Amino acid sequence: MQDKTKFFLILFILVGVMCFAQTPPTPRAVNEAPPPPAFPVDGGLVILIAAGAFYGVKKSLKH
């Protein structure tokens, strides 16, 4: 029991330190346009979800 308490205490302290260790974003100029999004979420995600649902239904009907 004592080991679990020490483990979680150290874990929460390290997570707190990592949250403060992140650098703030750099300020943009007033007239500067916002940056483009990192990547588009399009039909590939829908196909992946549909394939996962199909696989899950197939496996559940097989057993």
C-alpha atoms as a PDB file:
ATOM      1  CA  MET A   1       0.000   0.000   0.000  1.00  0.00           C
ATOM      2  CA  GLN A   2       2.834   2.351   0.844  1.00  0.00           C
ATOM      3  CA  ASP A   3       4.499   1.680  -2.536  1.00  0.00           C
ATOM      4  CA  LYS A   4       1.347   2.595  -4.458  1.00  0.00           C
ATOM      5  CA  THR A   5       1.061   5.862  -2.563  1.00  0.00           C
ATOM      6  CA  LYS A   6       4.671   6.770  -3.315  1.00  0.00           C
ATOM      7  CA  PHE A   7       4.255   5.822  -6.965  1.00  0.00           C
ATOM      8  CA  PHE A   8       1.165   7.989  -7.481  1.00  0.00           C
ATOM      9  CA  LEU A   9       2.671  10.896  -5.562  1.00  0.00           C
ATOM     10  CA  ILE A  10       5.773  10.870  -7.753  1.00  0.00           C
ATOM     11  CA  LEU A  11       3.615  10.447 -10.871  1.00  0.00           C
ATOM     12  CA  PHE A  12       1.451  13.486 -10.080  1.00  0.00           C
ATOM     13  CA  ILE A  13       4.471  15.620  -9.208  1.00  0.00           C
ATOM     14  CA  LEU A  14       6.163  14.745 -12.510  1.00  0.00           C
ATOM     15  CA  VAL A  15       2.991  15.419 -14.509  1.00  0.00           C
ATOM     16  CA  GLY A  16       2.658  18.797 -12.813  1.00  0.00           C
ATOM     17  CA  VAL A  17       6.263  19.683 -13.625  1.00  0.00           C
ATOM     18  CA  MET A  18       5.772  18.706 -17.274  1.00  0.00           C
ATOM     19  CA  CYS A  19       2.705  20.952 -17.520  1.00  0.00           C
ATOM     20  CA  PHE A  20       4.718  23.957 -16.369  1.00  0.00           C
ATOM     21  CA  ALA A  21       7.692  23.028 -18.557  1.00  0.00           C
ATOM     22  CA  GLN A  22       5.828  23.653 -21.813  1.00  0.00           C
ATOM     23  CA  THR A  23       6.803  26.839 -23.602  1.00  0.00           C
ATOM     24  CA  PRO A  24       4.109  29.414 -24.330  1.00  0.00           C
ATOM     25  CA  PRO A  25       3.232  30.032 -27.996  1.00  0.00           C
ATOM     26  CA  THR A  26       4.996  32.842 -29.773  1.00  0.00           C
ATOM     27  CA  PRO A  27       2.868  35.955 -30.269  1.00  0.00           C
ATOM     28  CA  ARG A  28       1.731  36.766 -33.808  1.00  0.00           C
ATOM     29  CA  ALA A  29       1.753  40.155 -35.466  1.00  0.00           C
ATOM     30  CA  VAL A  30      -1.573  42.001 -35.573  1.00  0.00           C
ATOM     31  CA  ASN A  31      -2.045  41.688 -39.356  1.00  0.00           C
ATOM     32  CA  GLU A  32      -0.626  38.179 -39.656  1.00  0.00           C
ATOM     33  CA  ALA A  33      -2.984  35.435 -40.820  1.00  0.00           C
ATOM     34  CA  PRO A  34      -3.471  32.395 -38.602  1.00  0.00           C
ATOM     35  CA  PRO A  35      -1.422  29.326 -39.531  1.00  0.00           C
ATOM     36  CA  PRO A  36      -3.066  26.608 -41.640  1.00  0.00           C
ATOM     37  CA  PRO A  37      -4.332  23.516 -39.848  1.00  0.00           C
ATOM     38  CA  ALA A  38      -1.801  20.741 -39.279  1.00  0.00           C
ATOM     39  CA  PHE A  39      -3.619  18.090 -41.325  1.00  0.00           C
ATOM     40  CA  PRO A  40      -7.039  17.680 -42.885  1.00  0.00           C
ATOM     41  CA  VAL A  41      -9.480  15.217 -41.359  1.00  0.00           C
ATOM     42  CA  ASP A  42     -11.410  13.894 -44.315  1.00  0.00           C
ATOM     43  CA  GLY A  43     -12.788  10.677 -45.785  1.00  0.00           C
ATOM     44  CA  GLY A  44      -9.877   8.556 -44.576  1.00  0.00           C
ATOM     45  CA  LEU A  45     -11.126   8.751 -41.011  1.00  0.00           C
ATOM     46  CA  VAL A  46     -14.648   7.761 -42.059  1.00  0.00           C
ATOM     47  CA  ILE A  47     -13.316   4.762 -43.985  1.00  0.00           C
ATOM     48  CA  LEU A  48     -11.230   3.697 -40.996  1.00  0.00           C
ATOM     49  CA  ILE A  49     -14.207   3.886 -38.627  1.00  0.00           C
ATOM     50  CA  ALA A  50     -16.428   1.998 -41.096  1.00  0.00           C
ATOM     51  CA  ALA A  51     -13.805  -0.726 -41.532  1.00  0.00           C
ATOM     52  CA  GLY A  52     -13.487  -1.081 -37.759  1.00  0.00           C
ATOM     53  CA  ALA A  53     -17.254  -1.314 -37.338  1.00  0.00           C
ATOM     54  CA  PHE A  54     -17.485  -3.908 -40.121  1.00  0.00           C
ATOM     55  CA  TYR A  55     -14.692  -5.966 -38.559  1.00  0.00           C
ATOM     56  CA  GLY A  56     -16.313  -5.786 -35.123  1.00  0.00           C
ATOM     57  CA  VAL A  57     -19.726  -6.884 -36.419  1.00  0.00           C
ATOM     58  CA  LYS A  58     -18.149  -9.703 -38.422  1.00  0.00           C
ATOM     59  CA  LYS A  59     -16.210 -10.968 -35.385  1.00  0.00           C
ATOM     60  CA  SER A  60     -19.239 -10.737 -33.079  1.00  0.00           C
ATOM     61  CA  LEU A  61     -21.464 -12.679 -35.511  1.00  0.00           C
ATOM     62  CA  LYS A  62     -18.787 -15.346 -35.994  1.00  0.00           C
ATOM     63  CA  HIS A  63     -18.689 -16.250 -32.281  1.00  0.00           C
END
